[in-house]
Amino acid sequence: MKIIDKLVFLTVGFCTLLACAQQPKDAKATTALPTAIEEINSENMVSAISAKVKHFDEEPLYYLRIGKENCIIEVLVNDMPVYKSYELSNLASPLEINHNILRTGIQTVTVRMYPVGDLIKEEYEYGETITQLGDASTVSIRVIQLDKKGAMGLNDEVEVLQHQSPTTDANGEVFAGTGLPFYEYTFEFYAKVPYDLSENSWGDAADLNTVDQDVLEQKMLDYYKSFLKEYKKGNKDFIAQKYYQSFSVQAQAYYKSIKEIQEMWDEELELLNDPTVKLQSIKDYELVFYAHNGVAFLRLKTKDELYYRNNCAAYIETTEAGTEYETFFGLYLYAPKKGFSRKEFTLIMS
C-alpha cells in the first residue's frame, strides 16, 4: 500500500514506506531478532517484521473499485483516509484497503463529495466555475475480494457489495446532495480476515480529543520536526524505529513475504539516501483527527490549490534531472491506551 510513486511534484499517500539494503537469504537464521523497539535498526527491521507475519490457507484481500462523475472525492475506510481524487478522471485500478481492516467484522466506508470547481474550464477551456454539486453528481463503489494465494484476475473477483451515492428519485438519477457545496455519506460492509490487528495499532488508540490541544499540537510538531531532521541526515535506524509499527501492520494485513517487506524497505531507502533532499517548513497547518479521534494529523490548510489539499504539513523537496519533486509523508499519529493519561502520552505512527 501507499507506495511512493515518482511524479512531478510527487504526493505520498496516507502510509509512506521505507527501504534498506538487501539482506542475505539466511538473515533470519543468523541475526538475533530484536525484542524491543529500541533494538530495531535498518539491518534487522525486515527480519523482525517478517518473523511476526502469520500466513494462512486463505489470505483474503479487499479492494474498492471507485467511479465518480461530476465531483471530486475523498474516501475513508474505518475513518482512516485511503483515497482522494481531485481530478476529472477515475481510478483505473482497484484500491487496496486491507491496511485499514484491522479485524473481522463490519467495516465502514465514508465518501466526501465536492464540486469540480474550475476543473472543467481547465480541461476543456470553456464552462463556468462549479461551486455546487448537481443532479448528475454520483459516486459508485464496488467492494471486491480476492485471495492472495489464489488467482488474481478480473474473473476471480468476488463482489462483496455495490453501493451508489444517495439519490432522491425512483430511478436513482437525481443526487441527494444537489445544490450543496459538500456532501458526505457512509455505508458498511462485512469483511472476514484471518488476522486481528486491533491491538498494537491505531485500533487500540486513546481519544486524543480529550487532551490539552495545545500540548497535543506541540507534541505533534516535535515529532514532525525530529522526523524531518533525521530524514535529512539519512538516519536509517531512527526512521526504521518510527516506521516499524506501521510496517508491521501493513505486512500482516497484506500477508507479505520477507521479499515483499524488503522491497517496501528498499523503495524508501532510495529517497532517504537522496542527497538533494531539502526540508520544507512546517507551517500553515491545522490539527485534524481520524479513527474517531484516535489518530491525529497536521494537515496543510490550503484548500484552493488541489495539489496541496489534505496533504501532510511535513514534506521534503528533491531534484532529479532538473525537475523538482515534493514528497508528503503520511505522519498519522496515535497514543496507545496502555499507559495513557491526559497529561502524559507517547505518539506512535499508525
Protein backbone atom coordinates (compact mmCIF):
# COMPACT_ATOMS: atom_id res chain seq x y z
CA MET A 1 0.00 0.00 0.00
CA LYS A 2 0.92 3.67 -0.17
CA ILE A 3 3.85 3.28 -2.20
CA ILE A 4 5.95 6.26 -3.22
CA ASP A 5 5.41 6.89 -6.95
CA LYS A 6 7.68 9.43 -8.60
CA LEU A 7 5.63 12.00 -10.47
CA VAL A 8 6.25 15.70 -10.98
CA PHE A 9 5.53 17.17 -7.55
CA LEU A 10 5.10 13.70 -6.05
CA THR A 11 2.47 13.02 -3.38
CA VAL A 12 2.83 10.18 -0.92
CA GLY A 13 -0.34 8.60 0.26
CA PHE A 14 -1.50 8.01 3.77
CA CYS A 15 1.15 5.41 4.65
CA THR A 16 4.73 6.03 3.49
CA LEU A 17 7.24 3.23 3.10
CA LEU A 18 10.90 2.63 3.98
CA ALA A 19 13.83 0.86 2.37
CA CYS A 20 17.26 -0.52 3.21
CA ALA A 21 20.00 -2.66 1.73
CA GLN A 22 19.13 -6.21 0.68
CA GLN A 23 19.64 -8.69 3.49
CA PRO A 24 21.20 -12.10 2.90
CA LYS A 25 18.79 -15.01 2.45
CA ASP A 26 19.78 -16.52 5.79
CA ALA A 27 19.47 -13.22 7.70
CA LYS A 28 16.57 -14.57 9.73
CA ALA A 29 18.65 -17.51 10.87
CA THR A 30 21.87 -15.63 11.59
CA THR A 31 20.61 -12.33 13.06
CA ALA A 32 19.20 -12.14 16.58
CA LEU A 33 15.72 -10.66 16.40
CA PRO A 34 15.06 -7.53 18.49
CA THR A 35 12.77 -7.74 21.49
CA ALA A 36 12.10 -4.01 21.94
CA ILE A 37 11.53 -1.05 19.64
CA GLU A 38 14.81 0.47 20.84
CA GLU A 39 16.60 -2.51 19.29
CA ILE A 40 15.07 -2.01 15.84
CA ASN A 41 17.51 -0.72 13.25
CA SER A 42 17.94 -0.60 9.49
CA GLU A 43 19.59 -4.02 9.45
CA ASN A 44 17.11 -6.05 11.47
CA MET A 45 13.73 -4.42 10.79
CA VAL A 46 12.78 -6.57 7.81
CA SER A 47 13.61 -9.82 9.61
CA ALA A 48 11.86 -8.68 12.78
CA ILE A 49 8.66 -7.86 10.89
CA SER A 50 8.78 -10.99 8.78
CA ALA A 51 9.08 -13.15 11.90
CA LYS A 52 5.79 -11.69 13.18
CA VAL A 53 3.75 -12.14 9.99
CA LYS A 54 1.39 -15.11 10.07
CA HIS A 55 0.31 -16.90 6.90
CA PHE A 56 -2.93 -18.77 6.32
CA ASP A 57 -4.53 -21.25 3.94
CA GLU A 58 -6.74 -18.43 2.70
CA GLU A 59 -5.48 -14.85 2.63
CA PRO A 60 -8.36 -12.54 1.62
CA LEU A 61 -7.60 -9.13 0.18
CA TYR A 62 -10.24 -6.42 -0.04
CA TYR A 63 -10.39 -3.65 -2.64
CA LEU A 64 -12.59 -0.77 -3.71
CA ARG A 65 -13.44 -0.15 -7.36
CA ILE A 66 -14.37 3.53 -7.42
CA GLY A 67 -16.12 5.53 -10.12
CA LYS A 68 -17.28 9.14 -9.95
CA GLU A 69 -18.92 11.75 -12.18
CA ASN A 70 -19.29 15.50 -11.80
CA CYS A 71 -17.50 15.67 -8.46
CA ILE A 72 -14.17 15.26 -6.71
CA ILE A 73 -13.92 12.95 -3.72
CA GLU A 74 -12.15 11.70 -0.63
CA VAL A 75 -12.66 8.17 0.71
CA LEU A 76 -12.03 6.81 4.20
CA VAL A 77 -12.22 3.23 5.49
CA ASN A 78 -12.97 2.91 9.19
CA ASP A 79 -12.46 6.68 9.44
CA MET A 80 -8.90 6.49 8.08
CA PRO A 81 -8.02 8.10 4.71
CA VAL A 82 -7.40 5.71 1.83
CA TYR A 83 -8.01 7.76 -1.31
CA LYS A 84 -8.51 11.25 -2.70
CA SER A 85 -9.25 12.26 -6.27
CA TYR A 86 -9.19 15.91 -7.22
CA GLU A 87 -9.24 15.27 -10.96
CA LEU A 88 -11.97 14.59 -13.50
CA SER A 89 -10.51 11.18 -14.35
CA ASN A 90 -11.28 7.98 -12.47
CA LEU A 91 -9.14 5.41 -10.70
CA ALA A 92 -8.28 2.66 -13.16
CA SER A 93 -7.00 0.01 -10.73
CA PRO A 94 -8.80 -1.34 -7.67
CA LEU A 95 -7.78 0.32 -4.40
CA GLU A 96 -6.19 -1.84 -1.69
CA ILE A 97 -7.77 -1.33 1.74
CA ASN A 98 -6.58 -4.23 3.93
CA HIS A 99 -4.28 -1.92 5.91
CA ASN A 100 -7.40 -0.25 7.32
CA ILE A 101 -9.18 -3.53 8.08
CA LEU A 102 -7.82 -4.49 11.48
CA ARG A 103 -10.05 -7.49 12.18
CA THR A 104 -13.11 -9.43 11.05
CA GLY A 105 -16.39 -7.57 11.31
CA ILE A 106 -18.34 -4.61 9.99
CA GLN A 107 -16.21 -2.06 8.15
CA THR A 108 -17.29 1.47 7.22
CA VAL A 109 -16.62 3.40 4.02
CA THR A 110 -17.07 7.17 4.12
CA VAL A 111 -17.26 9.24 0.93
CA ARG A 112 -16.82 13.01 0.87
CA MET A 113 -18.00 14.71 -2.32
CA TYR A 114 -17.14 18.21 -3.54
CA PRO A 115 -17.94 20.26 -6.68
CA VAL A 116 -15.38 20.19 -9.50
CA GLY A 117 -14.65 23.93 -9.28
CA ASP A 118 -12.58 25.06 -12.26
CA LEU A 119 -11.54 21.60 -13.44
CA ILE A 120 -13.83 21.56 -16.49
CA LYS A 121 -12.67 25.02 -17.52
CA GLU A 122 -9.03 23.99 -17.16
CA GLU A 123 -9.53 20.72 -19.02
CA TYR A 124 -11.72 21.90 -21.90
CA GLU A 125 -11.15 25.68 -21.85
CA TYR A 126 -14.83 26.51 -21.55
CA GLY A 127 -17.60 26.47 -18.96
CA GLU A 128 -18.08 28.06 -15.58
CA THR A 129 -16.70 27.60 -12.10
CA ILE A 130 -18.89 24.96 -10.44
CA THR A 131 -19.38 25.57 -6.73
CA GLN A 132 -22.28 23.20 -6.04
CA LEU A 133 -22.91 19.51 -6.55
CA GLY A 134 -25.50 18.81 -9.24
CA ASP A 135 -28.21 16.28 -10.08
CA ALA A 136 -25.71 14.23 -12.07
CA SER A 137 -23.02 14.14 -9.38
CA THR A 138 -22.52 10.50 -8.46
CA VAL A 139 -20.09 8.04 -6.89
CA SER A 140 -20.26 4.28 -7.35
CA ILE A 141 -18.16 1.89 -5.29
CA ARG A 142 -17.82 -1.87 -5.58
CA VAL A 143 -16.22 -3.71 -2.67
CA ILE A 144 -14.42 -6.77 -4.02
CA GLN A 145 -12.43 -9.62 -2.55
CA LEU A 146 -9.56 -11.70 -3.89
CA ASP A 147 -7.42 -14.42 -2.32
CA LYS A 148 -3.69 -13.66 -2.35
CA LYS A 149 -2.91 -17.38 -2.54
CA GLY A 150 -5.33 -17.88 -5.44
CA ALA A 151 -5.72 -16.45 -8.91
CA MET A 152 -5.79 -12.64 -9.04
CA GLY A 153 -7.54 -11.87 -12.33
CA LEU A 154 -10.74 -9.96 -13.01
CA ASN A 155 -12.70 -13.19 -13.30
CA ASP A 156 -11.58 -14.17 -9.81
CA GLU A 157 -13.06 -11.14 -8.06
CA VAL A 158 -15.84 -11.80 -5.58
CA GLU A 159 -18.20 -8.85 -5.25
CA VAL A 160 -18.94 -8.18 -1.59
CA LEU A 161 -21.10 -5.11 -2.08
CA GLN A 162 -22.05 -2.49 -4.65
CA HIS A 163 -23.03 0.98 -3.48
CA GLN A 164 -24.04 4.24 -5.14
CA SER A 165 -24.24 7.73 -3.67
CA PRO A 166 -27.74 8.51 -2.36
CA THR A 167 -30.46 9.70 -4.76
CA THR A 168 -33.93 11.16 -4.34
CA ASP A 169 -35.82 9.61 -7.25
CA ALA A 170 -37.06 6.10 -8.00
CA ASN A 171 -34.69 5.71 -10.96
CA GLY A 172 -31.64 6.65 -8.92
CA GLU A 173 -30.65 9.50 -11.22
CA VAL A 174 -31.02 12.63 -9.07
CA PHE A 175 -28.26 13.09 -6.49
CA ALA A 176 -29.47 13.71 -2.93
CA GLY A 177 -26.88 16.43 -2.36
CA THR A 178 -27.83 18.60 -5.32
CA GLY A 179 -27.13 22.28 -4.64
CA LEU A 180 -24.71 21.64 -1.76
CA PRO A 181 -21.00 22.61 -1.66
CA PHE A 182 -20.17 19.38 0.21
CA TYR A 183 -21.86 16.05 0.84
CA GLU A 184 -20.76 13.11 2.99
CA TYR A 185 -22.24 9.66 3.40
CA THR A 186 -21.17 6.33 4.91
CA PHE A 187 -22.00 2.72 4.15
CA GLU A 188 -20.92 -0.59 5.66
CA PHE A 189 -19.70 -3.98 4.51
CA TYR A 190 -18.63 -7.15 6.25
CA ALA A 191 -15.03 -8.36 5.93
CA LYS A 192 -13.63 -11.65 7.15
CA VAL A 193 -9.88 -11.75 7.70
CA PRO A 194 -7.74 -14.38 9.48
CA TYR A 195 -5.72 -11.86 11.48
CA ASP A 196 -6.55 -9.49 14.35
CA LEU A 197 -4.59 -6.23 14.40
CA SER A 198 -6.89 -4.35 16.74
CA GLU A 199 -4.16 -4.26 19.40
CA ASN A 200 -0.70 -2.74 19.00
CA SER A 201 -2.13 -0.46 16.32
CA TRP A 202 -4.35 2.59 15.91
CA GLY A 203 -7.21 0.21 16.64
CA ASP A 204 -6.31 0.49 20.33
CA ALA A 205 -5.75 4.24 20.35
CA ALA A 206 -6.67 6.63 23.15
CA ASP A 207 -9.04 9.52 22.45
CA LEU A 208 -6.69 12.40 21.61
CA ASN A 209 -9.51 14.89 21.67
CA THR A 210 -9.58 14.58 25.47
CA VAL A 211 -6.09 16.01 26.00
CA ASP A 212 -5.00 19.64 26.06
CA GLN A 213 -4.96 20.54 22.38
CA ASP A 214 -2.01 22.92 22.73
CA VAL A 215 0.03 20.14 24.33
CA LEU A 216 -1.00 17.70 21.60
CA GLU A 217 -0.14 20.14 18.84
CA GLN A 218 3.31 20.76 20.33
CA LYS A 219 3.95 17.02 20.63
CA MET A 220 2.88 16.62 17.01
CA LEU A 221 5.21 19.41 15.90
CA ASP A 222 8.13 17.95 17.86
CA TYR A 223 7.53 14.57 16.23
CA TYR A 224 7.27 16.02 12.71
CA LYS A 225 10.37 18.19 13.12
CA SER A 226 12.53 15.41 14.52
CA PHE A 227 11.34 13.07 11.77
CA LEU A 228 12.29 15.56 9.05
CA LYS A 229 15.62 16.39 10.69
CA GLU A 230 16.68 12.75 10.90
CA TYR A 231 15.34 12.04 7.42
CA LYS A 232 17.54 14.83 6.03
CA LYS A 233 20.51 13.30 7.84
CA GLY A 234 19.72 9.90 6.31
CA ASN A 235 19.42 8.34 9.77
CA LYS A 236 18.15 4.89 8.72
CA ASP A 237 17.98 3.47 12.24
CA PHE A 238 15.88 6.35 13.55
CA ILE A 239 13.49 6.19 10.61
CA ALA A 240 13.24 2.39 10.90
CA GLN A 241 12.08 2.71 14.50
CA LYS A 242 9.48 5.31 13.56
CA TYR A 243 8.05 3.17 10.78
CA TYR A 244 8.32 -0.20 12.50
CA GLN A 245 4.77 -0.37 13.89
CA SER A 246 3.19 0.90 10.68
CA PHE A 247 5.21 -1.53 8.58
CA SER A 248 4.23 -4.40 10.86
CA VAL A 249 0.52 -3.70 10.41
CA GLN A 250 0.88 -3.40 6.65
CA ALA A 251 2.95 -6.56 6.37
CA GLN A 252 0.39 -8.66 8.24
CA ALA A 253 -2.66 -7.09 6.58
CA TYR A 254 -1.23 -7.96 3.16
CA TYR A 255 0.39 -11.27 4.23
CA LYS A 256 3.74 -10.05 2.93
CA SER A 257 6.70 -12.32 2.41
CA ILE A 258 10.16 -11.27 3.58
CA LYS A 259 10.95 -10.39 -0.03
CA GLU A 260 7.93 -8.09 -0.25
CA ILE A 261 8.79 -6.42 3.05
CA GLN A 262 12.33 -5.94 1.81
CA GLU A 263 11.02 -4.31 -1.36
CA MET A 264 8.99 -1.85 0.75
CA TRP A 265 12.11 -1.03 2.74
CA ASP A 266 14.35 -0.78 -0.33
CA GLU A 267 11.96 1.57 -2.08
CA GLU A 268 12.13 4.15 0.67
CA LEU A 269 15.86 3.99 1.14
CA GLU A 270 16.33 5.37 -2.35
CA LEU A 271 14.59 8.54 -1.23
CA LEU A 272 16.12 8.50 2.24
CA ASN A 273 19.61 8.47 0.69
CA ASP A 274 18.84 11.14 -1.91
CA PRO A 275 21.47 13.89 -1.50
CA THR A 276 19.11 16.52 -2.95
CA VAL A 277 16.60 16.28 -0.09
CA LYS A 278 15.52 19.71 1.14
CA LEU A 279 13.35 20.09 4.22
CA GLN A 280 10.26 22.26 3.83
CA SER A 281 8.97 24.47 6.63
CA ILE A 282 6.10 23.15 8.72
CA LYS A 283 3.58 25.98 8.50
CA ASP A 284 0.01 26.87 7.55
CA TYR A 285 -1.34 23.66 9.04
CA GLU A 286 -4.34 22.55 11.07
CA LEU A 287 -4.75 19.73 13.57
CA VAL A 288 -7.33 17.17 12.44
CA PHE A 289 -8.47 13.80 13.76
CA TYR A 290 -9.22 10.44 12.21
CA ALA A 291 -10.17 6.99 13.53
CA HIS A 292 -12.83 8.55 15.76
CA ASN A 293 -10.34 10.88 17.46
CA GLY A 294 -7.76 8.14 17.89
CA VAL A 295 -5.37 9.42 15.22
CA ALA A 296 -4.07 12.99 14.87
CA PHE A 297 -2.61 14.64 11.78
CA LEU A 298 -1.14 18.05 10.93
CA ARG A 299 -2.73 18.89 7.60
CA LEU A 300 -1.90 21.75 5.28
CA LYS A 301 -4.64 24.37 5.39
CA THR A 302 -4.51 25.01 1.65
CA LYS A 303 -7.97 24.39 0.23
CA ASP A 304 -7.93 26.13 -3.15
CA GLU A 305 -4.78 24.60 -4.62
CA LEU A 306 -5.83 20.99 -5.07
CA TYR A 307 -2.26 19.67 -5.25
CA TYR A 308 -1.66 20.55 -1.59
CA ARG A 309 -5.14 19.75 -0.34
CA ASN A 310 -5.29 17.28 2.57
CA ASN A 311 -1.55 16.68 2.48
CA CYS A 312 0.74 16.37 5.48
CA ALA A 313 2.45 19.52 6.77
CA ALA A 314 5.71 17.55 6.91
CA TYR A 315 7.25 17.22 3.48
CA ILE A 316 10.51 17.42 1.55
CA GLU A 317 11.67 18.52 -1.86
CA THR A 318 14.08 16.62 -4.09
CA THR A 319 15.53 17.30 -7.52
CA GLU A 320 16.03 14.83 -10.34
CA ALA A 321 17.29 15.78 -13.80
CA GLY A 322 16.45 19.39 -13.10
CA THR A 323 12.86 18.62 -12.06
CA GLU A 324 11.62 19.30 -8.53
CA TYR A 325 9.53 16.73 -6.67
CA GLU A 326 7.68 17.12 -3.41
CA THR A 327 7.10 14.16 -1.11
CA PHE A 328 4.42 14.45 1.56
CA PHE A 329 4.74 12.00 4.44
CA GLY A 330 1.83 10.13 5.99
CA LEU A 331 2.56 11.01 9.62
CA TYR A 332 -0.72 9.91 11.20
CA LEU A 333 -0.02 9.58 14.92
CA TYR A 334 -1.81 7.86 17.79
CA ALA A 335 -1.28 7.28 21.51
CA PRO A 336 -1.69 3.69 22.79
CA LYS A 337 -4.28 3.28 25.52
CA LYS A 338 -1.78 1.41 27.68
CA GLY A 339 -0.04 3.93 29.91
CA PHE A 340 -2.07 6.81 28.50
CA SER A 341 -3.03 9.80 30.61
CA ARG A 342 -4.23 13.23 29.57
CA LYS A 343 -1.01 14.77 30.84
CA GLU A 344 1.47 12.14 29.70
CA PHE A 345 1.34 10.13 26.49
CA THR A 346 3.57 8.92 23.67
CA LEU A 347 2.78 9.28 19.98
CA ILE A 348 3.35 6.45 17.51
CA MET A 349 2.97 6.42 13.74
CA SER A 350 -0.09 4.46 12.63
